[in-house]
N, C-alpha and C. Protein backbone atom coordinates (compact mmCIF):
# COMPACT_ATOMS: atom_id res chain seq x y z
N UNK A 1 10.96 96.66 161.62
CA UNK A 1 11.99 96.25 162.57
C UNK A 1 13.17 97.20 162.49
N UNK A 2 13.72 97.54 163.65
CA UNK A 2 14.87 98.44 163.70
C UNK A 2 16.09 97.80 163.01
N UNK A 3 16.85 98.63 162.31
CA UNK A 3 18.06 98.12 161.67
C UNK A 3 19.03 97.55 162.70
N UNK A 4 19.07 98.17 163.88
CA UNK A 4 19.98 97.68 164.92
C UNK A 4 19.58 96.29 165.39
N UNK A 5 18.29 96.00 165.38
CA UNK A 5 17.84 94.65 165.74
C UNK A 5 18.20 93.68 164.62
N UNK A 6 17.98 94.09 163.39
CA UNK A 6 18.36 93.23 162.26
C UNK A 6 19.83 92.87 162.31
N UNK A 7 20.65 93.83 162.74
CA UNK A 7 22.10 93.60 162.79
C UNK A 7 22.47 92.50 163.78
N UNK A 8 21.59 92.21 164.73
CA UNK A 8 21.84 91.15 165.70
C UNK A 8 21.50 89.77 165.15
N UNK A 9 20.80 89.73 164.01
CA UNK A 9 20.30 88.48 163.47
C UNK A 9 21.23 87.93 162.39
N UNK A 10 20.96 86.70 161.98
CA UNK A 10 21.79 86.04 160.97
C UNK A 10 20.91 85.63 159.78
N UNK A 11 21.52 85.54 158.60
CA UNK A 11 20.76 85.01 157.46
C UNK A 11 20.23 83.61 157.79
N UNK A 12 19.00 83.35 157.39
CA UNK A 12 18.38 82.06 157.70
C UNK A 12 19.24 80.90 157.22
N UNK A 13 19.71 80.99 155.98
CA UNK A 13 20.46 79.85 155.44
C UNK A 13 21.78 79.62 156.17
N UNK A 14 22.37 80.67 156.73
CA UNK A 14 23.61 80.45 157.48
C UNK A 14 23.33 79.69 158.77
N UNK A 15 22.14 79.86 159.34
CA UNK A 15 21.77 79.10 160.54
C UNK A 15 21.37 77.68 160.14
N UNK A 16 20.64 77.55 159.05
CA UNK A 16 20.31 76.20 158.55
C UNK A 16 21.59 75.41 158.29
N UNK A 17 22.62 76.10 157.80
CA UNK A 17 23.89 75.42 157.51
C UNK A 17 24.60 74.91 158.76
N UNK A 18 24.12 75.27 159.93
CA UNK A 18 24.68 74.71 161.16
C UNK A 18 24.23 73.26 161.37
N UNK A 19 23.34 72.80 160.50
CA UNK A 19 22.88 71.40 160.55
C UNK A 19 23.58 70.65 159.42
N UNK A 20 24.46 69.71 159.74
CA UNK A 20 25.16 68.96 158.69
C UNK A 20 24.19 68.13 157.85
N UNK A 21 24.47 68.04 156.57
CA UNK A 21 23.75 67.15 155.66
C UNK A 21 22.25 67.45 155.56
N UNK A 22 21.87 68.70 155.75
CA UNK A 22 20.46 69.06 155.64
C UNK A 22 20.17 69.59 154.24
N UNK A 23 18.95 69.37 153.76
CA UNK A 23 18.51 70.00 152.53
C UNK A 23 18.12 71.43 152.88
N UNK A 24 18.92 72.38 152.45
CA UNK A 24 18.84 73.76 152.94
C UNK A 24 17.50 74.43 152.66
N UNK A 25 17.09 74.46 151.41
CA UNK A 25 15.89 75.21 151.04
C UNK A 25 14.64 74.66 151.71
N UNK A 26 14.41 73.34 151.69
CA UNK A 26 13.24 72.82 152.41
C UNK A 26 13.29 73.11 153.91
N UNK A 27 14.49 73.09 154.49
CA UNK A 27 14.62 73.38 155.93
C UNK A 27 14.24 74.82 156.22
N UNK A 28 14.70 75.74 155.39
CA UNK A 28 14.36 77.16 155.57
C UNK A 28 12.87 77.37 155.40
N UNK A 29 12.27 76.70 154.41
CA UNK A 29 10.83 76.83 154.18
C UNK A 29 10.03 76.27 155.35
N UNK A 30 10.50 75.17 155.92
CA UNK A 30 9.79 74.57 157.05
C UNK A 30 9.92 75.45 158.29
N UNK A 31 11.08 76.07 158.47
CA UNK A 31 11.23 77.00 159.60
C UNK A 31 10.23 78.14 159.44
N UNK A 32 10.13 78.69 158.25
CA UNK A 32 9.18 79.79 158.01
C UNK A 32 7.75 79.35 158.34
N UNK A 33 7.37 78.17 157.87
CA UNK A 33 6.01 77.68 158.14
C UNK A 33 5.79 77.46 159.64
N UNK A 34 6.80 76.94 160.30
CA UNK A 34 6.68 76.71 161.75
C UNK A 34 6.48 78.02 162.48
N UNK A 35 7.25 79.04 162.08
CA UNK A 35 7.12 80.35 162.72
C UNK A 35 5.74 80.95 162.48
N UNK A 36 5.28 80.90 161.24
CA UNK A 36 4.03 81.56 160.88
C UNK A 36 2.79 80.78 161.30
N UNK A 37 2.86 79.45 161.18
CA UNK A 37 1.67 78.63 161.42
C UNK A 37 1.74 77.78 162.68
N UNK A 38 2.94 77.63 163.23
CA UNK A 38 3.08 76.81 164.43
C UNK A 38 3.24 75.33 164.16
N UNK A 39 3.13 74.93 162.92
CA UNK A 39 3.24 73.50 162.58
C UNK A 39 4.60 73.22 161.96
N UNK A 40 5.16 72.04 162.16
CA UNK A 40 4.59 70.87 162.84
C UNK A 40 4.92 70.77 164.32
N UNK A 41 5.51 71.79 164.90
CA UNK A 41 5.92 71.70 166.30
C UNK A 41 4.82 72.09 167.28
N UNK A 42 3.72 72.60 166.77
CA UNK A 42 2.63 73.06 167.63
C UNK A 42 3.12 74.13 168.61
N UNK A 43 3.71 75.19 168.05
CA UNK A 43 4.19 76.31 168.86
C UNK A 43 3.38 77.56 168.52
N UNK A 44 3.26 78.43 169.47
CA UNK A 44 2.60 79.70 169.26
C UNK A 44 3.56 80.81 169.65
N UNK A 45 3.84 81.68 168.70
CA UNK A 45 4.75 82.79 168.95
C UNK A 45 3.96 84.09 168.91
N UNK A 46 4.41 85.05 169.71
CA UNK A 46 3.83 86.39 169.63
C UNK A 46 4.21 87.01 168.29
N UNK A 47 3.48 88.03 167.83
CA UNK A 47 3.87 88.69 166.57
C UNK A 47 5.32 89.18 166.59
N UNK A 48 5.77 89.67 167.75
CA UNK A 48 7.15 90.15 167.85
C UNK A 48 8.14 89.00 167.69
N UNK A 49 7.85 87.87 168.36
CA UNK A 49 8.75 86.72 168.27
C UNK A 49 8.74 86.13 166.86
N UNK A 50 7.61 86.18 166.19
CA UNK A 50 7.56 85.68 164.81
C UNK A 50 8.54 86.46 163.94
N UNK A 51 8.54 87.78 164.11
CA UNK A 51 9.43 88.62 163.29
C UNK A 51 10.90 88.38 163.65
N UNK A 52 11.16 88.05 164.90
CA UNK A 52 12.53 87.79 165.32
C UNK A 52 12.97 86.38 164.94
N UNK A 53 12.04 85.45 164.85
CA UNK A 53 12.38 84.08 164.50
C UNK A 53 12.55 83.89 163.00
N UNK A 54 11.80 84.68 162.21
CA UNK A 54 11.94 84.61 160.75
C UNK A 54 11.52 85.95 160.19
N UNK A 55 12.50 86.79 159.90
CA UNK A 55 12.23 88.11 159.36
C UNK A 55 12.42 88.08 157.85
N UNK A 56 11.34 88.30 157.13
CA UNK A 56 11.41 88.26 155.67
C UNK A 56 11.96 89.58 155.15
N UNK A 57 13.03 89.48 154.38
CA UNK A 57 13.69 90.65 153.80
C UNK A 57 14.36 90.20 152.51
N UNK A 58 15.18 91.06 151.92
CA UNK A 58 15.92 90.66 150.73
C UNK A 58 16.72 89.39 151.02
N UNK A 59 17.35 89.37 152.19
CA UNK A 59 17.96 88.15 152.72
C UNK A 59 17.19 87.85 154.00
N UNK A 60 16.48 86.72 154.02
CA UNK A 60 15.69 86.38 155.21
C UNK A 60 16.61 86.18 156.41
N UNK A 61 16.13 86.65 157.57
CA UNK A 61 16.94 86.62 158.78
C UNK A 61 16.28 85.79 159.86
N UNK A 62 17.10 85.26 160.74
CA UNK A 62 16.60 84.57 161.92
C UNK A 62 17.50 84.90 163.09
N UNK A 63 17.21 84.27 164.22
CA UNK A 63 17.89 84.59 165.47
C UNK A 63 18.00 83.31 166.29
N UNK A 64 18.50 83.42 167.51
CA UNK A 64 18.50 82.22 168.35
C UNK A 64 17.11 81.64 168.56
N UNK A 65 16.07 82.46 168.45
CA UNK A 65 14.71 81.94 168.56
C UNK A 65 14.44 80.97 167.42
N UNK A 66 14.81 81.37 166.20
CA UNK A 66 14.66 80.48 165.06
C UNK A 66 15.54 79.25 165.18
N UNK A 67 16.74 79.43 165.74
CA UNK A 67 17.64 78.29 165.93
C UNK A 67 17.02 77.27 166.88
N UNK A 68 16.35 77.77 167.92
CA UNK A 68 15.67 76.86 168.86
C UNK A 68 14.59 76.06 168.14
N UNK A 69 13.84 76.73 167.26
CA UNK A 69 12.80 76.03 166.51
C UNK A 69 13.41 75.02 165.54
N UNK A 70 14.51 75.39 164.90
CA UNK A 70 15.19 74.45 164.01
C UNK A 70 15.65 73.21 164.76
N UNK A 71 16.15 73.41 165.97
CA UNK A 71 16.55 72.25 166.78
C UNK A 71 15.36 71.34 167.05
N UNK A 72 14.21 71.96 167.35
CA UNK A 72 13.01 71.17 167.59
C UNK A 72 12.60 70.40 166.34
N UNK A 73 12.70 71.04 165.18
CA UNK A 73 12.37 70.35 163.93
C UNK A 73 13.33 69.21 163.66
N UNK A 74 14.61 69.44 163.96
CA UNK A 74 15.62 68.41 163.75
C UNK A 74 15.38 67.21 164.67
N UNK A 75 15.20 67.50 165.93
CA UNK A 75 15.01 66.41 166.91
C UNK A 75 13.69 65.68 166.69
N UNK A 76 12.71 66.39 166.12
CA UNK A 76 11.43 65.75 165.85
C UNK A 76 11.40 64.98 164.54
N UNK A 77 12.51 64.97 163.81
CA UNK A 77 12.59 64.24 162.57
C UNK A 77 11.85 64.88 161.42
N UNK A 78 11.64 66.19 161.48
CA UNK A 78 10.86 66.87 160.45
C UNK A 78 11.71 67.40 159.29
N UNK A 79 13.04 67.41 159.44
CA UNK A 79 13.90 67.96 158.39
C UNK A 79 14.41 66.86 157.46
N UNK A 80 14.51 67.19 156.18
CA UNK A 80 15.05 66.25 155.21
C UNK A 80 16.58 66.28 155.29
N UNK A 81 17.16 65.11 155.52
CA UNK A 81 18.61 65.01 155.66
C UNK A 81 19.18 64.09 154.59
N UNK A 82 20.43 64.33 154.23
CA UNK A 82 21.10 63.50 153.23
C UNK A 82 21.74 62.26 153.88
N UNK A 83 21.94 62.32 155.20
CA UNK A 83 22.52 61.20 155.96
C UNK A 83 21.74 61.04 157.25
N UNK A 84 21.93 59.93 157.95
CA UNK A 84 21.22 59.75 159.24
C UNK A 84 21.54 60.89 160.20
N UNK A 85 20.58 61.27 161.06
CA UNK A 85 20.80 62.39 161.99
C UNK A 85 21.90 62.10 163.00
N UNK A 86 22.53 63.17 163.48
CA UNK A 86 23.56 63.04 164.51
C UNK A 86 22.92 63.19 165.88
N UNK A 87 23.65 62.77 166.89
CA UNK A 87 23.11 62.86 168.26
C UNK A 87 23.04 64.29 168.75
N UNK A 88 23.98 65.12 168.30
CA UNK A 88 23.98 66.51 168.75
C UNK A 88 24.43 67.43 167.62
N UNK A 89 24.05 68.68 167.76
CA UNK A 89 24.43 69.71 166.80
C UNK A 89 25.06 70.86 167.58
N UNK A 90 26.34 70.73 167.95
CA UNK A 90 26.95 71.70 168.86
C UNK A 90 26.87 73.15 168.40
N UNK A 91 27.07 73.41 167.12
CA UNK A 91 27.06 74.79 166.64
C UNK A 91 25.67 75.40 166.75
N UNK A 92 24.65 74.68 166.29
CA UNK A 92 23.28 75.17 166.35
C UNK A 92 22.82 75.28 167.81
N UNK A 93 23.20 74.29 168.62
CA UNK A 93 22.81 74.32 170.03
C UNK A 93 23.44 75.52 170.76
N UNK A 94 24.70 75.81 170.42
CA UNK A 94 25.38 76.95 171.05
C UNK A 94 24.72 78.25 170.65
N UNK A 95 24.33 78.36 169.38
CA UNK A 95 23.67 79.59 168.93
C UNK A 95 22.30 79.72 169.57
N UNK A 96 21.54 78.65 169.63
CA UNK A 96 20.21 78.69 170.27
C UNK A 96 20.32 79.08 171.74
N UNK A 97 21.42 78.67 172.38
CA UNK A 97 21.60 78.96 173.80
C UNK A 97 21.83 80.44 174.08
N UNK A 98 22.09 81.23 173.04
CA UNK A 98 22.30 82.67 173.24
C UNK A 98 20.98 83.44 173.21
N UNK A 99 19.84 82.74 173.19
CA UNK A 99 18.55 83.43 173.12
C UNK A 99 18.34 84.44 174.25
N UNK A 100 18.63 84.10 175.52
CA UNK A 100 18.44 85.11 176.57
C UNK A 100 19.26 86.38 176.34
N UNK A 101 20.50 86.23 175.90
CA UNK A 101 21.36 87.39 175.62
C UNK A 101 20.79 88.19 174.45
N UNK A 102 20.34 87.49 173.41
CA UNK A 102 19.75 88.15 172.25
C UNK A 102 18.51 88.94 172.67
N UNK A 103 17.65 88.33 173.45
CA UNK A 103 16.42 89.02 173.89
C UNK A 103 16.75 90.26 174.72
N UNK A 104 17.77 90.16 175.57
CA UNK A 104 18.16 91.31 176.39
C UNK A 104 18.65 92.46 175.51
N UNK A 105 19.42 92.14 174.48
CA UNK A 105 19.91 93.18 173.56
C UNK A 105 18.76 93.81 172.80
N UNK A 106 17.81 93.00 172.34
CA UNK A 106 16.65 93.53 171.61
C UNK A 106 15.85 94.46 172.52
N UNK A 107 15.63 94.02 173.75
CA UNK A 107 14.88 94.85 174.70
C UNK A 107 15.58 96.18 174.92
N UNK A 108 16.90 96.15 175.08
CA UNK A 108 17.66 97.40 175.30
C UNK A 108 17.54 98.32 174.08
N UNK A 109 17.61 97.75 172.89
CA UNK A 109 17.50 98.57 171.68
C UNK A 109 16.11 99.19 171.55
N UNK A 110 15.08 98.41 171.86
CA UNK A 110 13.71 98.93 171.77
C UNK A 110 13.47 100.01 172.82
N UNK A 111 14.01 99.82 174.01
CA UNK A 111 13.86 100.84 175.05
C UNK A 111 14.58 102.12 174.65
N UNK A 112 15.77 101.98 174.06
CA UNK A 112 16.52 103.16 173.62
C UNK A 112 15.76 103.89 172.51
N UNK A 113 15.13 103.13 171.61
CA UNK A 113 14.35 103.76 170.54
C UNK A 113 13.13 104.47 171.10
N UNK A 114 12.47 103.86 172.09
CA UNK A 114 11.33 104.51 172.73
C UNK A 114 11.76 105.81 173.41
N UNK A 115 12.91 105.77 174.08
CA UNK A 115 13.42 106.97 174.75
C UNK A 115 13.77 108.04 173.73
N UNK A 116 14.35 107.63 172.60
CA UNK A 116 14.70 108.59 171.55
C UNK A 116 13.44 109.27 171.00
N UNK A 117 12.41 108.49 170.78
CA UNK A 117 11.16 109.06 170.25
C UNK A 117 10.50 109.97 171.27
N UNK A 118 10.53 109.57 172.54
CA UNK A 118 9.95 110.42 173.58
C UNK A 118 10.70 111.74 173.67
N UNK A 119 12.03 111.67 173.57
CA UNK A 119 12.84 112.89 173.62
C UNK A 119 12.55 113.78 172.41
N UNK A 120 12.40 113.17 171.25
CA UNK A 120 12.06 113.94 170.05
C UNK A 120 10.73 114.66 170.23
N UNK A 121 9.76 113.98 170.83
CA UNK A 121 8.46 114.61 171.07
C UNK A 121 8.60 115.81 172.00
N UNK A 122 9.45 115.67 173.02
CA UNK A 122 9.68 116.78 173.95
C UNK A 122 10.28 117.98 173.21
N UNK A 123 11.26 117.70 172.36
CA UNK A 123 11.92 118.78 171.63
C UNK A 123 10.97 119.42 170.63
N UNK A 124 10.16 118.61 169.97
CA UNK A 124 9.19 119.17 169.03
C UNK A 124 8.22 120.10 169.74
N UNK A 125 7.83 119.72 170.95
CA UNK A 125 6.89 120.55 171.71
C UNK A 125 7.56 121.79 172.28
N UNK A 126 8.85 121.69 172.60
CA UNK A 126 9.57 122.82 173.20
C UNK A 126 11.01 122.83 172.68
N UNK A 127 11.25 123.43 171.51
CA UNK A 127 12.58 123.42 170.91
C UNK A 127 13.68 123.98 171.81
N UNK A 128 13.31 124.88 172.71
CA UNK A 128 14.31 125.45 173.62
C UNK A 128 14.85 124.40 174.60
N UNK A 129 14.13 123.30 174.76
CA UNK A 129 14.57 122.27 175.71
C UNK A 129 15.69 121.40 175.15
N UNK A 130 15.96 121.52 173.86
CA UNK A 130 17.02 120.71 173.24
C UNK A 130 18.38 121.15 173.76
N UNK A 131 19.31 120.21 173.77
CA UNK A 131 20.70 120.52 174.11
C UNK A 131 21.49 120.68 172.82
N UNK A 132 22.53 121.50 172.84
CA UNK A 132 23.34 121.67 171.61
C UNK A 132 23.86 120.36 171.05
N UNK A 133 24.22 119.41 171.92
CA UNK A 133 24.75 118.13 171.42
C UNK A 133 23.69 117.27 170.75
N UNK A 134 22.41 117.65 170.88
CA UNK A 134 21.34 116.90 170.23
C UNK A 134 21.02 117.42 168.83
N UNK A 135 21.58 118.56 168.47
CA UNK A 135 21.27 119.15 167.17
C UNK A 135 21.81 118.29 166.02
N UNK A 136 20.95 118.07 165.04
CA UNK A 136 21.32 117.41 163.79
C UNK A 136 20.52 118.09 162.69
N UNK A 137 20.98 118.00 161.44
CA UNK A 137 20.17 118.56 160.35
C UNK A 137 18.75 117.99 160.33
N UNK A 138 18.62 116.72 160.61
CA UNK A 138 17.28 116.10 160.57
C UNK A 138 16.38 116.68 161.66
N UNK A 139 16.93 116.86 162.86
CA UNK A 139 16.14 117.43 163.95
C UNK A 139 15.70 118.85 163.59
N UNK A 140 16.62 119.64 163.07
CA UNK A 140 16.28 121.01 162.69
C UNK A 140 15.17 121.02 161.64
N UNK A 141 15.29 120.15 160.64
CA UNK A 141 14.28 120.08 159.59
C UNK A 141 12.91 119.73 160.18
N UNK A 142 12.88 118.81 161.10
CA UNK A 142 11.58 118.41 161.68
C UNK A 142 10.97 119.54 162.51
N UNK A 143 11.79 120.20 163.31
CA UNK A 143 11.28 121.29 164.14
C UNK A 143 10.79 122.44 163.25
N UNK A 144 11.58 122.81 162.26
CA UNK A 144 11.20 123.92 161.39
C UNK A 144 10.01 123.55 160.50
N UNK A 145 9.91 122.31 160.09
CA UNK A 145 8.74 121.89 159.30
C UNK A 145 7.48 122.02 160.12
N UNK A 146 7.56 121.66 161.39
CA UNK A 146 6.38 121.78 162.24
C UNK A 146 6.00 123.25 162.43
N UNK A 147 7.00 124.09 162.57
CA UNK A 147 6.72 125.51 162.84
C UNK A 147 6.33 126.30 161.59
N UNK A 148 6.96 125.98 160.44
CA UNK A 148 6.80 126.83 159.26
C UNK A 148 6.30 126.10 158.00
N UNK A 149 6.12 124.80 158.09
CA UNK A 149 5.75 124.04 156.90
C UNK A 149 6.98 123.38 156.28
N UNK A 150 6.74 122.49 155.33
CA UNK A 150 7.83 121.66 154.79
C UNK A 150 8.66 122.34 153.71
N UNK A 151 8.14 123.34 153.06
CA UNK A 151 8.81 123.86 151.87
C UNK A 151 9.25 125.32 152.02
N UNK A 152 9.56 125.72 153.23
CA UNK A 152 9.93 127.12 153.44
C UNK A 152 11.32 127.24 154.04
N UNK A 153 12.11 128.14 153.48
CA UNK A 153 13.36 128.50 154.15
C UNK A 153 12.98 129.22 155.43
N UNK A 154 13.68 128.91 156.49
CA UNK A 154 13.29 129.49 157.77
C UNK A 154 14.46 129.39 158.75
N UNK A 155 14.29 130.07 159.87
CA UNK A 155 15.28 129.98 160.94
C UNK A 155 14.56 130.10 162.27
N UNK A 156 15.20 129.53 163.28
CA UNK A 156 14.56 129.49 164.60
C UNK A 156 15.64 129.14 165.63
N UNK A 157 15.48 129.62 166.82
CA UNK A 157 16.41 129.26 167.88
C UNK A 157 16.02 127.91 168.46
N UNK A 158 16.95 126.99 168.43
CA UNK A 158 16.76 125.66 169.00
C UNK A 158 17.99 125.37 169.85
N UNK A 159 17.78 124.90 171.05
CA UNK A 159 18.89 124.62 171.96
C UNK A 159 19.73 125.87 172.22
N UNK A 160 19.11 127.04 172.15
CA UNK A 160 19.82 128.28 172.41
C UNK A 160 20.70 128.75 171.26
N UNK A 161 20.59 128.08 170.11
CA UNK A 161 21.41 128.44 168.95
C UNK A 161 20.49 128.71 167.75
N UNK A 162 20.87 129.67 166.93
CA UNK A 162 20.06 129.98 165.76
C UNK A 162 20.29 128.91 164.70
N UNK A 163 19.20 128.28 164.31
CA UNK A 163 19.26 127.18 163.34
C UNK A 163 18.54 127.60 162.06
N UNK A 164 19.03 127.10 160.93
CA UNK A 164 18.54 127.55 159.63
C UNK A 164 18.15 126.36 158.76
N UNK A 165 17.16 126.60 157.91
CA UNK A 165 16.84 125.66 156.84
C UNK A 165 16.74 126.47 155.55
N UNK A 166 17.55 126.07 154.57
CA UNK A 166 17.54 126.74 153.28
C UNK A 166 17.04 125.75 152.23
N UNK A 167 16.20 126.25 151.32
CA UNK A 167 15.71 125.46 150.20
C UNK A 167 16.46 125.92 148.96
N UNK A 168 17.30 125.06 148.40
CA UNK A 168 18.16 125.44 147.28
C UNK A 168 17.76 124.69 146.02
N UNK A 169 17.89 125.35 144.88
CA UNK A 169 17.71 124.67 143.60
C UNK A 169 18.89 123.73 143.39
N UNK A 170 18.60 122.52 142.94
CA UNK A 170 19.66 121.53 142.74
C UNK A 170 19.61 121.03 141.30
N UNK A 171 20.47 121.54 140.43
CA UNK A 171 20.45 121.14 139.02
C UNK A 171 20.63 119.63 138.83
N UNK A 172 21.33 118.98 139.75
CA UNK A 172 21.56 117.54 139.61
C UNK A 172 20.33 116.72 139.97
N UNK A 173 19.34 117.37 140.61
CA UNK A 173 18.15 116.64 141.04
C UNK A 173 16.95 116.93 140.14
N UNK A 174 17.21 117.23 138.86
CA UNK A 174 16.12 117.52 137.93
C UNK A 174 15.39 116.23 137.56
N UNK A 175 14.06 116.32 137.44
CA UNK A 175 13.28 115.17 137.00
C UNK A 175 13.34 115.07 135.47
N UNK A 176 12.75 114.04 134.86
CA UNK A 176 12.87 113.87 133.39
C UNK A 176 12.37 115.06 132.59
N UNK A 177 11.45 115.84 133.14
CA UNK A 177 10.94 117.00 132.40
C UNK A 177 11.88 118.21 132.52
N UNK A 178 12.94 118.08 133.29
CA UNK A 178 13.88 119.18 133.47
C UNK A 178 13.57 120.06 134.66
N UNK A 179 12.48 119.76 135.37
CA UNK A 179 12.12 120.56 136.54
C UNK A 179 13.08 120.19 137.69
N UNK A 180 13.61 121.21 138.31
CA UNK A 180 14.59 120.98 139.39
C UNK A 180 13.88 120.73 140.72
N UNK A 181 14.29 119.66 141.36
CA UNK A 181 13.79 119.38 142.70
C UNK A 181 14.64 120.18 143.69
N UNK A 182 14.02 120.85 144.64
CA UNK A 182 14.81 121.63 145.60
C UNK A 182 15.61 120.73 146.54
N UNK A 183 16.71 121.27 147.00
CA UNK A 183 17.54 120.57 147.98
C UNK A 183 17.42 121.31 149.31
N UNK A 184 17.19 120.55 150.36
CA UNK A 184 17.02 121.14 151.68
C UNK A 184 18.33 120.99 152.45
N UNK A 185 18.83 122.09 152.99
CA UNK A 185 20.00 122.00 153.87
C UNK A 185 19.66 122.66 155.20
N UNK A 186 20.08 122.01 156.26
CA UNK A 186 19.83 122.53 157.61
C UNK A 186 21.18 122.68 158.31
N UNK A 187 21.35 123.82 158.99
CA UNK A 187 22.64 124.09 159.61
C UNK A 187 22.46 125.04 160.79
N UNK A 188 23.53 125.13 161.58
CA UNK A 188 23.53 126.04 162.71
C UNK A 188 24.96 126.47 163.00
N UNK A 189 25.07 127.52 163.78
CA UNK A 189 26.38 128.01 164.21
C UNK A 189 26.54 127.68 165.68
N UNK A 190 27.61 126.95 166.01
CA UNK A 190 27.78 126.52 167.40
C UNK A 190 28.28 127.67 168.28
N UNK A 191 28.46 127.39 169.56
CA UNK A 191 28.83 128.43 170.52
C UNK A 191 30.20 129.04 170.22
N UNK A 192 31.05 128.31 169.49
CA UNK A 192 32.37 128.83 169.12
C UNK A 192 32.33 129.58 167.79
N UNK A 193 31.16 129.70 167.19
CA UNK A 193 31.03 130.42 165.94
C UNK A 193 31.29 129.59 164.70
N UNK A 194 31.37 128.25 164.85
CA UNK A 194 31.62 127.38 163.71
C UNK A 194 30.31 126.88 163.11
N UNK A 195 30.26 126.86 161.82
CA UNK A 195 29.08 126.33 161.14
C UNK A 195 29.05 124.81 161.24
N UNK A 196 27.89 124.28 161.57
CA UNK A 196 27.69 122.83 161.71
C UNK A 196 26.51 122.42 160.84
N UNK A 197 26.44 121.16 160.50
CA UNK A 197 25.32 120.65 159.72
C UNK A 197 25.62 120.53 158.26
N UNK A 198 24.57 120.66 157.43
CA UNK A 198 24.70 120.51 155.98
C UNK A 198 25.51 121.66 155.38
N UNK A 199 26.18 121.33 154.29
CA UNK A 199 26.93 122.33 153.53
C UNK A 199 26.13 122.71 152.28
N UNK A 200 26.23 123.95 151.86
CA UNK A 200 25.49 124.35 150.63
C UNK A 200 26.05 123.65 149.40
């Protein structure tokens, strides 16, 4: 999952906490089971929606999709509560209501990522087609790796500018045996004659 999509989501327990008097851990576990197995709500989610409704990470994440499922579990009496249920859950309901907006943002991010990858493929196939504003050390490294291999110092014109990759010994990157791991720096000189990119 894209980091930008993750940034749109909330920690599962923070969404569970929108339900007053709920037993948090069992509620989070039941949401996970509902997403993965469809029970007890008898729902079927696409693989993409499953990841958006309950994304397992160091801190598990959910979204308005998960909030909608939590509402269903609450209204269906499936959640363990410390007190009798309330008639409404305004905070959780408001968050669940943002699902269309959330989906639109996710779609826009995925489309932008697809466009970025397509553009990268174009540049890899024809480095001269790149624009100077698209140059980054990572792009230069990828283009030069394709042209010359991964472990070679090299230079090549990309976006009409001469771009360089240098392989430097890095004493701070020595492994336990004392062998130095090389450091890769990629840089270019812009149209004004200024060096851009990595520094030695």
